[in-house]
Amino acid sequence: RDAVDYGNLLLTRLPAKQVIAHDLSVPGREPRSAIEAVFQP
């Protein structure tokens, strides 16, 4: 919006081993997304 990103954020104490962005948008609805992250604690 107005050149500013809007969505989700993941904050962690451990670094992620893998991060995948998912577009969950449904046509005609507000755009949605998900962050999938894998950790090895």
PDB file of all heavy atoms in Angstrom:
ATOM      1  N   ARG A   1       0.865  -1.180   0.000  1.00  0.00           N
ATOM      2  CA  ARG A   1       0.000   0.000   0.000  1.00  0.00           C
ATOM      3  C   ARG A   1       0.898   1.224   0.000  1.00  0.00           C
ATOM      4  O   ARG A   1       1.706   1.386   0.918  1.00  0.00           O
ATOM      5  CB  ARG A   1      -0.865   0.052   1.255  1.00  0.00           C
ATOM      6  CG  ARG A   1      -1.890  -1.007   1.372  1.00  0.00           C
ATOM      7  CD  ARG A   1      -2.819  -0.607   2.500  1.00  0.00           C
ATOM      8  NE  ARG A   1      -3.171  -1.771   3.280  1.00  0.00           N
ATOM      9  CZ  ARG A   1      -3.926  -1.731   4.351  1.00  0.00           C
ATOM     10  NH1 ARG A   1      -4.369  -0.602   4.808  1.00  0.00           N
ATOM     11  NH2 ARG A   1      -4.229  -2.826   4.999  1.00  0.00           N
ATOM     12  N   ASP A   2       0.752   2.081  -0.998  1.00  0.00           N
ATOM     13  CA  ASP A   2       1.582   3.291  -1.090  1.00  0.00           C
ATOM     14  C   ASP A   2       3.059   2.953  -0.954  1.00  0.00           C
ATOM     15  O   ASP A   2       3.796   3.608  -0.210  1.00  0.00           O
ATOM     16  CB  ASP A   2       1.162   4.324  -0.043  1.00  0.00           C
ATOM     17  CG  ASP A   2      -0.275   4.765  -0.205  1.00  0.00           C
ATOM     18  OD1 ASP A   2      -0.721   4.903  -1.363  1.00  0.00           O
ATOM     19  OD2 ASP A   2      -0.961   4.971   0.815  1.00  0.00           O
ATOM     20  N   ALA A   3       3.503   1.896  -1.644  1.00  0.00           N
ATOM     21  CA  ALA A   3       4.899   1.441  -1.652  1.00  0.00           C
ATOM     22  C   ALA A   3       5.388   0.944  -0.288  1.00  0.00           C
ATOM     23  O   ALA A   3       6.587   0.897  -0.022  1.00  0.00           O
ATOM     24  CB  ALA A   3       5.828   2.523  -2.195  1.00  0.00           C
ATOM     25  N   VAL A   4       4.457   0.557   0.587  1.00  0.00           N
ATOM     26  CA  VAL A   4       4.801   0.017   1.907  1.00  0.00           C
ATOM     27  C   VAL A   4       4.237  -1.402   1.999  1.00  0.00           C
ATOM     28  O   VAL A   4       3.046  -1.618   1.761  1.00  0.00           O
ATOM     29  CB  VAL A   4       4.218   0.898   3.040  1.00  0.00           C
ATOM     30  CG1 VAL A   4       4.435   0.259   4.401  1.00  0.00           C
ATOM     31  CG2 VAL A   4       4.809   2.295   2.996  1.00  0.00           C
ATOM     32  N   ASP A   5       5.095  -2.373   2.346  1.00  0.00           N
ATOM     33  CA  ASP A   5       4.640  -3.756   2.501  1.00  0.00           C
ATOM     34  C   ASP A   5       3.683  -3.878   3.679  1.00  0.00           C
ATOM     35  O   ASP A   5       3.830  -3.210   4.698  1.00  0.00           O
ATOM     36  CB  ASP A   5       5.828  -4.694   2.720  1.00  0.00           C
ATOM     37  CG  ASP A   5       6.623  -4.929   1.451  1.00  0.00           C
ATOM     38  OD1 ASP A   5       6.080  -4.699   0.360  1.00  0.00           O
ATOM     39  OD2 ASP A   5       7.792  -5.343   1.569  1.00  0.00           O
ATOM     40  N   TYR A   6       2.699  -4.784   3.510  1.00  0.00           N
ATOM     41  CA  TYR A   6       1.687  -5.019   4.527  1.00  0.00           C
ATOM     42  C   TYR A   6       1.425  -6.514   4.580  1.00  0.00           C
ATOM     43  O   TYR A   6       1.201  -7.147   3.550  1.00  0.00           O
ATOM     44  CB  TYR A   6       0.409  -4.265   4.150  1.00  0.00           C
ATOM     45  CG  TYR A   6      -0.722  -4.408   5.122  1.00  0.00           C
ATOM     46  CD1 TYR A   6      -0.835  -3.559   6.221  1.00  0.00           C
ATOM     47  CD2 TYR A   6      -1.690  -5.383   4.952  1.00  0.00           C
ATOM     48  CE1 TYR A   6      -1.881  -3.688   7.112  1.00  0.00           C
ATOM     49  CE2 TYR A   6      -2.744  -5.521   5.843  1.00  0.00           C
ATOM     50  CZ  TYR A   6      -2.833  -4.660   6.915  1.00  0.00           C
ATOM     51  OH  TYR A   6      -3.864  -4.788   7.807  1.00  0.00           O
ATOM     52  N   GLY A   7       1.493  -7.090   5.778  1.00  0.00           N
ATOM     53  CA  GLY A   7       1.234  -8.524   5.899  1.00  0.00           C
ATOM     54  C   GLY A   7       1.664  -9.093   7.225  1.00  0.00           C
ATOM     55  O   GLY A   7       1.404  -8.510   8.285  1.00  0.00           O
ATOM     56  N   ASN A   8       2.363 -10.229   7.171  1.00  0.00           N
ATOM     57  CA  ASN A   8       2.746 -10.977   8.364  1.00  0.00           C
ATOM     58  C   ASN A   8       4.231 -10.822   8.661  1.00  0.00           C
ATOM     59  O   ASN A   8       5.018 -10.473   7.788  1.00  0.00           O
ATOM     60  CB  ASN A   8       2.434 -12.465   8.159  1.00  0.00           C
ATOM     61  CG  ASN A   8       0.994 -12.692   7.805  1.00  0.00           C
ATOM     62  OD1 ASN A   8       0.095 -12.275   8.520  1.00  0.00           O
ATOM     63  ND2 ASN A   8       0.759 -13.350   6.687  1.00  0.00           N
ATOM     64  N   LEU A   9       4.573 -11.139   9.904  1.00  0.00           N
ATOM     65  CA  LEU A   9       5.966 -11.065  10.349  1.00  0.00           C
ATOM     66  C   LEU A   9       6.204 -12.210  11.322  1.00  0.00           C
ATOM     67  O   LEU A   9       5.350 -12.505  12.162  1.00  0.00           O
ATOM     68  CB  LEU A   9       6.192  -9.723  11.055  1.00  0.00           C
ATOM     69  CG  LEU A   9       7.615  -9.273  11.310  1.00  0.00           C
ATOM     70  CD1 LEU A   9       8.308  -8.959   9.997  1.00  0.00           C
ATOM     71  CD2 LEU A   9       7.600  -8.006  12.169  1.00  0.00           C
ATOM     72  N   LEU A  10       7.352 -12.850  11.191  1.00  0.00           N
ATOM     73  CA  LEU A  10       7.763 -13.884  12.133  1.00  0.00           C
ATOM     74  C   LEU A  10       9.042 -13.415  12.806  1.00  0.00           C
ATOM     75  O   LEU A  10      10.010 -13.063  12.130  1.00  0.00           O
ATOM     76  CB  LEU A  10       7.999 -15.216  11.412  1.00  0.00           C
ATOM     77  CG  LEU A  10       8.609 -16.348  12.242  1.00  0.00           C
ATOM     78  CD1 LEU A  10       7.725 -16.715  13.427  1.00  0.00           C
ATOM     79  CD2 LEU A  10       8.875 -17.575  11.363  1.00  0.00           C
ATOM     80  N   LEU A  11       9.041 -13.388  14.122  1.00  0.00           N
ATOM     81  CA  LEU A  11      10.210 -13.021  14.920  1.00  0.00           C
ATOM     82  C   LEU A  11      10.614 -14.246  15.736  1.00  0.00           C
ATOM     83  O   LEU A  11       9.759 -14.900  16.334  1.00  0.00           O
ATOM     84  CB  LEU A  11       9.876 -11.866  15.860  1.00  0.00           C
ATOM     85  CG  LEU A  11       9.427 -10.585  15.159  1.00  0.00           C
ATOM     86  CD1 LEU A  11       8.570  -9.745  16.069  1.00  0.00           C
ATOM     87  CD2 LEU A  11      10.629  -9.812  14.684  1.00  0.00           C
ATOM     88  N   THR A  12      11.923 -14.560  15.749  1.00  0.00           N
ATOM     89  CA  THR A  12      12.368 -15.773  16.425  1.00  0.00           C
ATOM     90  C   THR A  12      13.703 -15.555  17.133  1.00  0.00           C
ATOM     91  O   THR A  12      14.527 -14.758  16.690  1.00  0.00           O
ATOM     92  CB  THR A  12      12.548 -16.930  15.423  1.00  0.00           C
ATOM     93  OG1 THR A  12      13.662 -16.657  14.589  1.00  0.00           O
ATOM     94  CG2 THR A  12      11.307 -17.132  14.576  1.00  0.00           C
ATOM     95  N   ARG A  13      13.897 -16.287  18.195  1.00  0.00           N
ATOM     96  CA  ARG A  13      15.193 -16.257  18.880  1.00  0.00           C
ATOM     97  C   ARG A  13      16.193 -17.163  18.157  1.00  0.00           C
ATOM     98  O   ARG A  13      17.394 -16.945  18.229  1.00  0.00           O
ATOM     99  CB  ARG A  13      15.042 -16.682  20.324  1.00  0.00           C
ATOM    100  CG  ARG A  13      14.116 -15.748  21.094  1.00  0.00           C
ATOM    101  CD  ARG A  13      14.528 -15.509  22.510  1.00  0.00           C
ATOM    102  NE  ARG A  13      13.551 -14.667  23.161  1.00  0.00           N
ATOM    103  CZ  ARG A  13      13.539 -13.339  23.126  1.00  0.00           C
ATOM    104  NH1 ARG A  13      14.477 -12.695  22.467  1.00  0.00           N
ATOM    105  NH2 ARG A  13      12.611 -12.650  23.737  1.00  0.00           N
ATOM    106  N   LEU A  14      15.698 -18.198  17.469  1.00  0.00           N
ATOM    107  CA  LEU A  14      16.550 -19.118  16.709  1.00  0.00           C
ATOM    108  C   LEU A  14      16.529 -18.730  15.237  1.00  0.00           C
ATOM    109  O   LEU A  14      15.498 -18.306  14.723  1.00  0.00           O
ATOM    110  CB  LEU A  14      16.011 -20.555  16.806  1.00  0.00           C
ATOM    111  CG  LEU A  14      16.011 -21.226  18.163  1.00  0.00           C
ATOM    112  CD1 LEU A  14      15.310 -22.573  18.068  1.00  0.00           C
ATOM    113  CD2 LEU A  14      17.439 -21.420  18.647  1.00  0.00           C
ATOM    114  N   PRO A  15      17.648 -18.927  14.540  1.00  0.00           N
ATOM    115  CA  PRO A  15      17.613 -18.706  13.091  1.00  0.00           C
ATOM    116  C   PRO A  15      16.873 -19.854  12.411  1.00  0.00           C
ATOM    117  O   PRO A  15      16.971 -21.007  12.835  1.00  0.00           O
ATOM    118  CB  PRO A  15      19.091 -18.690  12.700  1.00  0.00           C
ATOM    119  CG  PRO A  15      19.778 -19.469  13.765  1.00  0.00           C
ATOM    120  CD  PRO A  15      18.987 -19.261  15.032  1.00  0.00           C
ATOM    121  N   ALA A  16      16.128 -19.540  11.376  1.00  0.00           N
ATOM    122  CA  ALA A  16      15.398 -20.564  10.625  1.00  0.00           C
ATOM    123  C   ALA A  16      16.339 -21.303   9.691  1.00  0.00           C
ATOM    124  O   ALA A  16      17.270 -20.720   9.138  1.00  0.00           O
ATOM    125  CB  ALA A  16      14.276 -19.917   9.827  1.00  0.00           C
ATOM    126  N   LYS A  17      16.101 -22.591   9.527  1.00  0.00           N
ATOM    127  CA  LYS A  17      16.853 -23.401   8.564  1.00  0.00           C
ATOM    128  C   LYS A  17      16.278 -23.228   7.168  1.00  0.00           C
ATOM    129  O   LYS A  17      16.986 -23.331   6.170  1.00  0.00           O
ATOM    130  CB  LYS A  17      16.810 -24.886   8.948  1.00  0.00           C
ATOM    131  CG  LYS A  17      17.460 -25.198  10.270  1.00  0.00           C
ATOM    132  CD  LYS A  17      18.958 -25.009  10.169  1.00  0.00           C
ATOM    133  CE  LYS A  17      19.616 -25.407  11.485  1.00  0.00           C
ATOM    134  NZ  LYS A  17      21.037 -25.110  11.487  1.00  0.00           N
ATOM    135  N   GLN A  18      14.970 -22.982   7.107  1.00  0.00           N
ATOM    136  CA  GLN A  18      14.282 -22.818   5.818  1.00  0.00           C
ATOM    137  C   GLN A  18      13.086 -21.902   6.034  1.00  0.00           C
ATOM    138  O   GLN A  18      12.395 -22.003   7.050  1.00  0.00           O
ATOM    139  CB  GLN A  18      13.816 -24.174   5.300  1.00  0.00           C
ATOM    140  CG  GLN A  18      13.102 -24.128   3.982  1.00  0.00           C
ATOM    141  CD  GLN A  18      12.613 -25.511   3.560  1.00  0.00           C
ATOM    142  OE1 GLN A  18      12.396 -26.392   4.394  1.00  0.00           O
ATOM    143  NE2 GLN A  18      12.436 -25.698   2.263  1.00  0.00           N
ATOM    144  N   VAL A  19      12.834 -21.005   5.074  1.00  0.00           N
ATOM    145  CA  VAL A  19      11.673 -20.122   5.110  1.00  0.00           C
ATOM    146  C   VAL A  19      11.022 -20.140   3.734  1.00  0.00           C
ATOM    147  O   VAL A  19      11.701 -19.986   2.717  1.00  0.00           O
ATOM    148  CB  VAL A  19      12.068 -18.676   5.480  1.00  0.00           C
ATOM    149  CG1 VAL A  19      10.850 -17.765   5.480  1.00  0.00           C
ATOM    150  CG2 VAL A  19      12.757 -18.632   6.836  1.00  0.00           C
ATOM    151  N   ILE A  20       9.707 -20.364   3.720  1.00  0.00           N
ATOM    152  CA  ILE A  20       8.946 -20.413   2.473  1.00  0.00           C
ATOM    153  C   ILE A  20       7.785 -19.434   2.577  1.00  0.00           C
ATOM    154  O   ILE A  20       7.043 -19.443   3.568  1.00  0.00           O
ATOM    155  CB  ILE A  20       8.410 -21.832   2.205  1.00  0.00           C
ATOM    156  CG1 ILE A  20       9.544 -22.849   2.176  1.00  0.00           C
ATOM    157  CG2 ILE A  20       7.607 -21.875   0.906  1.00  0.00           C
ATOM    158  CD1 ILE A  20       9.084 -24.286   2.230  1.00  0.00           C
ATOM    159  N   ALA A  21       7.614 -18.611   1.558  1.00  0.00           N
ATOM    160  CA  ALA A  21       6.475 -17.689   1.486  1.00  0.00           C
ATOM    161  C   ALA A  21       5.367 -18.353   0.679  1.00  0.00           C
ATOM    162  O   ALA A  21       5.621 -18.956  -0.367  1.00  0.00           O
ATOM    163  CB  ALA A  21       6.902 -16.388   0.824  1.00  0.00           C
ATOM    164  N   HIS A  22       4.141 -18.254   1.188  1.00  0.00           N
ATOM    165  CA  HIS A  22       2.978 -18.823   0.499  1.00  0.00           C
ATOM    166  C   HIS A  22       1.986 -17.721   0.183  1.00  0.00           C
ATOM    167  O   HIS A  22       1.642 -16.925   1.064  1.00  0.00           O
ATOM    168  CB  HIS A  22       2.279 -19.869   1.381  1.00  0.00           C
ATOM    169  CG  HIS A  22       3.110 -21.059   1.702  1.00  0.00           C
ATOM    170  ND1 HIS A  22       3.285 -22.104   0.828  1.00  0.00           N
ATOM    171  CD2 HIS A  22       3.835 -21.367   2.812  1.00  0.00           C
ATOM    172  CE1 HIS A  22       4.067 -23.014   1.394  1.00  0.00           C
ATOM    173  NE2 HIS A  22       4.411 -22.586   2.596  1.00  0.00           N
ATOM    174  N   ASP A  23       1.516 -17.694  -1.046  1.00  0.00           N
ATOM    175  CA  ASP A  23       0.446 -16.783  -1.441  1.00  0.00           C
ATOM    176  C   ASP A  23      -0.872 -17.510  -1.216  1.00  0.00           C
ATOM    177  O   ASP A  23      -1.132 -18.538  -1.853  1.00  0.00           O
ATOM    178  CB  ASP A  23       0.610 -16.389  -2.907  1.00  0.00           C
ATOM    179  CG  ASP A  23      -0.464 -15.422  -3.382  1.00  0.00           C
ATOM    180  OD1 ASP A  23      -1.343 -15.027  -2.586  1.00  0.00           O
ATOM    181  OD2 ASP A  23      -0.431 -15.051  -4.572  1.00  0.00           O
ATOM    182  N   LEU A  24      -1.680 -17.007  -0.303  1.00  0.00           N
ATOM    183  CA  LEU A  24      -2.963 -17.642   0.015  1.00  0.00           C
ATOM    184  C   LEU A  24      -4.143 -16.823  -0.499  1.00  0.00           C
ATOM    185  O   LEU A  24      -5.277 -16.993  -0.041  1.00  0.00           O
ATOM    186  CB  LEU A  24      -3.099 -17.826   1.531  1.00  0.00           C
ATOM    187  CG  LEU A  24      -2.041 -18.687   2.220  1.00  0.00           C
ATOM    188  CD1 LEU A  24      -2.312 -18.748   3.713  1.00  0.00           C
ATOM    189  CD2 LEU A  24      -1.986 -20.070   1.621  1.00  0.00           C
ATOM    190  N   SER A  25      -3.869 -15.945  -1.436  1.00  0.00           N
ATOM    191  CA  SER A  25      -4.906 -15.046  -1.939  1.00  0.00           C
ATOM    192  C   SER A  25      -6.016 -15.815  -2.654  1.00  0.00           C
ATOM    193  O   SER A  25      -5.764 -16.801  -3.347  1.00  0.00           O
ATOM    194  CB  SER A  25      -4.303 -14.029  -2.901  1.00  0.00           C
ATOM    195  OG  SER A  25      -3.323 -13.261  -2.233  1.00  0.00           O
ATOM    196  N   VAL A  26      -7.241 -15.337  -2.468  1.00  0.00           N
ATOM    197  CA  VAL A  26      -8.421 -15.883  -3.128  1.00  0.00           C
ATOM    198  C   VAL A  26      -8.956 -14.781  -4.040  1.00  0.00           C
ATOM    199  O   VAL A  26      -9.121 -13.643  -3.580  1.00  0.00           O
ATOM    200  CB  VAL A  26      -9.486 -16.301  -2.083  1.00  0.00           C
ATOM    201  CG1 VAL A  26     -10.786 -16.697  -2.751  1.00  0.00           C
ATOM    202  CG2 VAL A  26      -8.946 -17.425  -1.202  1.00  0.00           C
ATOM    203  N   PRO A  27      -9.197 -15.075  -5.316  1.00  0.00           N
ATOM    204  CA  PRO A  27      -9.683 -14.041  -6.232  1.00  0.00           C
ATOM    205  C   PRO A  27     -10.904 -13.296  -5.676  1.00  0.00           C
ATOM    206  O   PRO A  27     -11.813 -13.910  -5.121  1.00  0.00           O
ATOM    207  CB  PRO A  27     -10.041 -14.822  -7.501  1.00  0.00           C
ATOM    208  CG  PRO A  27      -9.163 -16.027  -7.453  1.00  0.00           C
ATOM    209  CD  PRO A  27      -9.054 -16.375  -5.987  1.00  0.00           C
ATOM    210  N   GLY A  28     -10.873 -11.981  -5.799  1.00  0.00           N
ATOM    211  CA  GLY A  28     -11.985 -11.159  -5.338  1.00  0.00           C
ATOM    212  C   GLY A  28     -11.934 -10.802  -3.857  1.00  0.00           C
ATOM    213  O   GLY A  28     -12.796 -10.098  -3.356  1.00  0.00           O
ATOM    214  N   ARG A  29     -10.942 -11.308  -3.161  1.00  0.00           N
ATOM    215  CA  ARG A  29     -10.804 -11.046  -1.721  1.00  0.00           C
ATOM    216  C   ARG A  29      -9.480 -10.324  -1.467  1.00  0.00           C
ATOM    217  O   ARG A  29      -8.618 -10.265  -2.343  1.00  0.00           O
ATOM    218  CB  ARG A  29     -10.840 -12.354  -0.915  1.00  0.00           C
ATOM    219  CG  ARG A  29     -12.048 -13.239  -1.155  1.00  0.00           C
ATOM    220  CD  ARG A  29     -13.338 -12.641  -0.698  1.00  0.00           C
ATOM    221  NE  ARG A  29     -13.306 -12.482   0.756  1.00  0.00           N
ATOM    222  CZ  ARG A  29     -14.253 -11.908   1.470  1.00  0.00           C
ATOM    223  NH1 ARG A  29     -15.311 -11.420   0.876  1.00  0.00           N
ATOM    224  NH2 ARG A  29     -14.152 -11.819   2.772  1.00  0.00           N
ATOM    225  N   GLU A  30      -9.296  -9.809  -0.247  1.00  0.00           N
ATOM    226  CA  GLU A  30      -8.038  -9.138   0.108  1.00  0.00           C
ATOM    227  C   GLU A  30      -6.880 -10.126   0.007  1.00  0.00           C
ATOM    228  O   GLU A  30      -7.011 -11.275   0.438  1.00  0.00           O
ATOM    229  CB  GLU A  30      -8.140  -8.604   1.538  1.00  0.00           C
ATOM    230  CG  GLU A  30      -6.907  -7.854   1.997  1.00  0.00           C
ATOM    231  CD  GLU A  30      -7.056  -7.289   3.401  1.00  0.00           C
ATOM    232  OE1 GLU A  30      -7.977  -6.484   3.631  1.00  0.00           O
ATOM    233  OE2 GLU A  30      -6.250  -7.668   4.275  1.00  0.00           O
ATOM    234  N   PRO A  31      -5.741  -9.705  -0.546  1.00  0.00           N
ATOM    235  CA  PRO A  31      -4.588 -10.612  -0.633  1.00  0.00           C
ATOM    236  C   PRO A  31      -4.163 -11.126   0.752  1.00  0.00           C
ATOM    237  O   PRO A  31      -4.201 -10.385   1.730  1.00  0.00           O
ATOM    238  CB  PRO A  31      -3.490  -9.733  -1.241  1.00  0.00           C
ATOM    239  CG  PRO A  31      -4.208  -8.639  -1.932  1.00  0.00           C
ATOM    240  CD  PRO A  31      -5.452  -8.392  -1.118  1.00  0.00           C
ATOM    241  N   ARG A  32      -3.771 -12.385   0.793  1.00  0.00           N
ATOM    242  CA  ARG A  32      -3.326 -13.025   2.039  1.00  0.00           C
ATOM    243  C   ARG A  32      -2.065 -13.826   1.754  1.00  0.00           C
ATOM    244  O   ARG A  32      -1.820 -14.266   0.640  1.00  0.00           O
ATOM    245  CB  ARG A  32      -4.400 -13.954   2.603  1.00  0.00           C
ATOM    246  CG  ARG A  32      -5.725 -13.302   2.897  1.00  0.00           C
ATOM    247  CD  ARG A  32      -5.662 -12.414   4.112  1.00  0.00           C
ATOM    248  NE  ARG A  32      -6.950 -11.757   4.330  1.00  0.00           N
ATOM    249  CZ  ARG A  32      -7.299 -11.179   5.462  1.00  0.00           C
ATOM    250  NH1 ARG A  32      -6.468 -11.176   6.488  1.00  0.00           N
ATOM    251  NH2 ARG A  32      -8.468 -10.602   5.579  1.00  0.00           N
ATOM    252  N   SER A  33      -1.274 -14.025   2.793  1.00  0.00           N
ATOM    253  CA  SER A  33      -0.033 -14.788   2.654  1.00  0.00           C
ATOM    254  C   SER A  33       0.237 -15.569   3.931  1.00  0.00           C
ATOM    255  O   SER A  33      -0.449 -15.393   4.936  1.00  0.00           O
ATOM    256  CB  SER A  33       1.138 -13.849   2.358  1.00  0.00           C
ATOM    257  OG  SER A  33       1.401 -13.027   3.472  1.00  0.00           O
ATOM    258  N   ALA A  34       1.262 -16.407   3.866  1.00  0.00           N
ATOM    259  CA  ALA A  34       1.719 -17.154   5.043  1.00  0.00           C
ATOM    260  C   ALA A  34       3.232 -17.262   4.973  1.00  0.00           C
ATOM    261  O   ALA A  34       3.822 -17.287   3.899  1.00  0.00           O
ATOM    262  CB  ALA A  34       1.094 -18.539   5.094  1.00  0.00           C
ATOM    263  N   ILE A  35       3.848 -17.316   6.141  1.00  0.00           N
ATOM    264  CA  ILE A  35       5.276 -17.574   6.272  1.00  0.00           C
ATOM    265  C   ILE A  35       5.406 -18.954   6.909  1.00  0.00           C
ATOM    266  O   ILE A  35       4.880 -19.185   7.999  1.00  0.00           O
ATOM    267  CB  ILE A  35       5.968 -16.551   7.200  1.00  0.00           C
ATOM    268  CG1 ILE A  35       5.695 -15.122   6.767  1.00  0.00           C
ATOM    269  CG2 ILE A  35       7.473 -16.830   7.277  1.00  0.00           C
ATOM    270  CD1 ILE A  35       6.077 -14.093   7.836  1.00  0.00           C
ATOM    271  N   GLU A  36       6.090 -19.850   6.234  1.00  0.00           N
ATOM    272  CA  GLU A  36       6.377 -21.171   6.786  1.00  0.00           C
ATOM    273  C   GLU A  36       7.871 -21.214   7.088  1.00  0.00           C
ATOM    274  O   GLU A  36       8.688 -20.898   6.228  1.00  0.00           O
ATOM    275  CB  GLU A  36       6.013 -22.257   5.773  1.00  0.00           C
ATOM    276  CG  GLU A  36       6.361 -23.650   6.225  1.00  0.00           C
ATOM    277  CD  GLU A  36       6.061 -24.695   5.165  1.00  0.00           C
ATOM    278  OE1 GLU A  36       5.676 -24.331   4.031  1.00  0.00           O
ATOM    279  OE2 GLU A  36       6.252 -25.880   5.467  1.00  0.00           O
ATOM    280  N   ALA A  37       8.221 -21.582   8.305  1.00  0.00           N
ATOM    281  CA  ALA A  37       9.633 -21.628   8.685  1.00  0.00           C
ATOM    282  C   ALA A  37       9.927 -22.921   9.435  1.00  0.00           C
ATOM    283  O   ALA A  37       9.112 -23.395  10.217  1.00  0.00           O
ATOM    284  CB  ALA A  37       9.986 -20.423   9.554  1.00  0.00           C
ATOM    285  N   VAL A  38      11.114 -23.460   9.169  1.00  0.00           N
ATOM    286  CA  VAL A  38      11.556 -24.694   9.816  1.00  0.00           C
ATOM    287  C   VAL A  38      12.763 -24.371  10.684  1.00  0.00           C
ATOM    288  O   VAL A  38      13.693 -23.682  10.250  1.00  0.00           O
ATOM    289  CB  VAL A  38      11.919 -25.771   8.771  1.00  0.00           C
ATOM    290  CG1 VAL A  38      12.429 -27.036   9.448  1.00  0.00           C
ATOM    291  CG2 VAL A  38      10.728 -26.070   7.876  1.00  0.00           C
ATOM    292  N   PHE A  39      12.731 -24.878  11.911  1.00  0.00           N
ATOM    293  CA  PHE A  39      13.804 -24.668  12.885  1.00  0.00           C
ATOM    294  C   PHE A  39      14.311 -26.016  13.354  1.00  0.00           C
ATOM    295  O   PHE A  39      13.597 -27.010  13.310  1.00  0.00           O
ATOM    296  CB  PHE A  39      13.280 -23.870  14.087  1.00  0.00           C
ATOM    297  CG  PHE A  39      12.723 -22.537  13.700  1.00  0.00           C
ATOM    298  CD1 PHE A  39      11.388 -22.404  13.342  1.00  0.00           C
ATOM    299  CD2 PHE A  39      13.523 -21.413  13.679  1.00  0.00           C
ATOM    300  CE1 PHE A  39      10.876 -21.176  12.955  1.00  0.00           C
ATOM    301  CE2 PHE A  39      13.022 -20.188  13.292  1.00  0.00           C
ATOM    302  CZ  PHE A  39      11.699 -20.069  12.933  1.00  0.00           C
ATOM    303  N   GLN A  40      15.532 -26.045  13.840  1.00  0.00           N
ATOM    304  CA  GLN A  40      16.135 -27.272  14.353  1.00  0.00           C
ATOM    305  C   GLN A  40      16.671 -26.992  15.763  1.00  0.00           C
ATOM    306  O   GLN A  40      17.874 -26.919  15.974  1.00  0.00           O
ATOM    307  CB  GLN A  40      17.261 -27.736  13.420  1.00  0.00           C
ATOM    308  CG  GLN A  40      17.729 -29.142  13.669  1.00  0.00           C
ATOM    309  CD  GLN A  40      16.751 -30.177  13.137  1.00  0.00           C
ATOM    310  OE1 GLN A  40      16.225 -30.042  12.054  1.00  0.00           O
ATOM    311  NE2 GLN A  40      16.515 -31.207  13.920  1.00  0.00           N
ATOM    312  N   PRO A  41      15.763 -26.865  16.752  1.00  0.00           N
ATOM    313  CA  PRO A  41      16.218 -26.532  18.102  1.00  0.00           C
ATOM    314  C   PRO A  41      16.897 -27.696  18.832  1.00  0.00           C
ATOM    315  O   PRO A  41      17.564 -27.497  19.827  1.00  0.00           O
ATOM    316  CB  PRO A  41      14.931 -26.126  18.818  1.00  0.00           C
ATOM    317  CG  PRO A  41      13.852 -26.841  18.087  1.00  0.00           C
ATOM    318  CD  PRO A  41      14.316 -26.947  16.655  1.00  0.00           C
TER     319      PRO A  41
END
